Amino acid sequence: NSLMNCCHGRPHFLIIAEWRNEMAKRKYGKNIAFMMEFVRKFIDEELSRFDITCDFNHHIIQRYDDMYDENPEIAEIIGRDMGDIIDNSDHLTDDELRDALCSPYDLVIDIINGKAW
């Protein structure tokens, strides 16, 4: 599965386990954690396209202010970058949408791990 290589060539379950540990240490908060888990489930084919396209903006509206308080840079990446990809995804296949979401997803992981910004 090409999606297994999305996150720096490492399986998502390893990335998300490390990420959860970092979240606990760095206290990025439950709202960012929720949104990253939501996107991860779609990338890993545990969540349908219908669910991500219908629910993503609802969750952003509900959580954005709290995510911004947790980490403004990450809130912008999730809200703006991932949101734009999902909002403009009508012409993409499910796999293309998953692949497109990997770049901002990886960037958030890198920020959390101190490898970006």
Protein backbone atom coordinates (compact mmCIF):
# COMPACT_ATOMS: atom_id res chain seq x y z
CA ASN A 1 0.00 0.00 0.00
CA SER A 2 1.55 3.30 -1.10
CA LEU A 3 -0.11 5.11 1.77
CA MET A 4 2.08 3.28 4.26
CA ASN A 5 4.96 5.38 2.91
CA CYS A 6 3.10 8.65 3.40
CA CYS A 7 4.72 9.60 6.66
CA HIS A 8 8.42 9.49 5.89
CA GLY A 9 8.16 5.86 4.78
CA ARG A 10 7.09 4.66 8.23
CA PRO A 11 3.81 2.95 9.16
CA HIS A 12 1.19 5.34 10.51
CA PHE A 13 0.66 3.34 13.68
CA LEU A 14 4.30 3.99 14.67
CA ILE A 15 4.07 7.67 13.77
CA ILE A 16 0.82 8.15 15.67
CA ALA A 17 2.18 6.34 18.77
CA GLU A 18 5.24 8.59 18.80
CA TRP A 19 3.04 11.58 18.11
CA ARG A 20 0.75 10.77 21.05
CA ASN A 21 3.80 10.57 23.31
CA GLU A 22 5.01 13.94 22.04
CA MET A 23 1.53 15.44 22.45
CA ALA A 24 1.53 14.33 26.07
CA LYS A 25 4.96 15.88 26.65
CA ARG A 26 4.42 19.09 24.75
CA LYS A 27 0.76 19.58 25.62
CA TYR A 28 -0.52 20.51 22.18
CA GLY A 29 -3.94 19.59 23.37
CA LYS A 30 -6.90 17.40 22.81
CA ASN A 31 -8.37 19.40 19.93
CA ILE A 32 -5.28 19.11 17.72
CA ALA A 33 -5.00 15.46 18.76
CA PHE A 34 -8.62 14.86 17.77
CA MET A 35 -8.22 16.46 14.34
CA MET A 36 -4.98 14.64 13.60
CA GLU A 37 -6.55 11.33 14.59
CA PHE A 38 -9.59 12.14 12.42
CA VAL A 39 -7.37 12.82 9.38
CA ARG A 40 -5.16 9.81 10.14
CA LYS A 41 -8.19 7.53 10.09
CA PHE A 42 -9.04 8.73 6.60
CA ILE A 43 -5.44 8.41 5.37
CA ASP A 44 -5.31 4.87 6.78
CA GLU A 45 -8.68 3.99 5.19
CA GLU A 46 -10.47 3.61 8.52
CA LEU A 47 -12.81 6.53 7.73
CA SER A 48 -14.81 7.01 4.56
CA ARG A 49 -14.49 9.92 2.16
CA PHE A 50 -18.11 10.76 2.93
CA ASP A 51 -17.26 11.10 6.63
CA ILE A 52 -14.17 13.26 6.10
CA THR A 53 -15.82 15.59 3.59
CA CYS A 54 -19.00 15.96 5.62
CA ASP A 55 -17.50 16.22 9.09
CA PHE A 56 -14.10 17.92 8.70
CA ASN A 57 -15.44 21.49 8.48
CA HIS A 58 -17.90 20.85 11.30
CA HIS A 59 -15.05 19.78 13.58
CA ILE A 60 -12.89 22.74 12.48
CA ILE A 61 -15.70 25.18 13.30
CA GLN A 62 -16.18 23.55 16.71
CA ARG A 63 -12.48 23.25 17.60
CA TYR A 64 -10.50 25.91 15.75
CA ASP A 65 -10.29 28.51 18.53
CA ASP A 66 -9.13 25.90 21.04
CA MET A 67 -6.65 24.46 18.52
CA TYR A 68 -5.30 27.98 17.97
CA ASP A 69 -4.79 28.36 21.72
CA GLU A 70 -2.96 25.00 21.76
CA ASN A 71 -0.67 25.83 18.83
CA PRO A 72 -1.44 28.58 16.28
CA GLU A 73 0.84 27.19 13.55
CA ILE A 74 -0.68 23.73 13.70
CA ALA A 75 -4.20 25.15 13.85
CA GLU A 76 -3.50 27.06 10.62
CA ILE A 77 -2.13 23.98 8.85
CA ILE A 78 -5.09 21.86 9.84
CA GLY A 79 -7.72 24.54 9.29
CA ARG A 80 -6.34 26.19 6.17
CA ASP A 81 -4.18 23.64 4.36
CA MET A 82 -6.05 20.43 5.13
CA GLY A 83 -9.35 22.27 4.89
CA ASP A 84 -8.53 23.67 1.42
CA ILE A 85 -7.50 20.23 0.20
CA ILE A 86 -10.75 18.68 1.41
CA ASP A 87 -12.89 21.58 0.17
CA ASN A 88 -11.36 21.37 -3.31
CA SER A 89 -11.24 17.58 -3.60
CA ASP A 90 -14.21 16.92 -5.89
CA HIS A 91 -11.90 16.12 -8.81
CA LEU A 92 -9.65 13.79 -6.76
CA THR A 93 -10.00 10.07 -6.28
CA ASP A 94 -10.05 8.80 -2.70
CA ASP A 95 -6.39 7.75 -2.97
CA GLU A 96 -5.41 11.13 -4.45
CA LEU A 97 -7.16 12.89 -1.57
CA ARG A 98 -5.34 10.69 0.95
CA ASP A 99 -2.03 11.42 -0.76
CA ALA A 100 -2.76 15.18 -0.82
CA LEU A 101 -3.49 15.19 2.92
CA CYS A 102 -0.18 13.47 3.70
CA SER A 103 1.92 16.60 3.13
CA PRO A 104 0.20 18.83 5.72
CA TYR A 105 -0.21 15.82 8.02
CA ASP A 106 3.53 15.17 7.85
CA LEU A 107 4.25 18.86 8.44
CA VAL A 108 2.21 18.81 11.66
CA ILE A 109 4.08 15.69 12.80
CA ASP A 110 7.38 17.45 12.04
CA ILE A 111 6.32 20.51 14.05
CA ILE A 112 5.35 18.35 16.99
CA ASN A 113 8.67 16.50 16.77
CA GLY A 114 10.60 19.77 16.59
CA LYS A 115 11.78 19.15 13.02
CA ALA A 116 9.97 22.11 11.46
CA TRP A 117 9.42 25.74 12.48
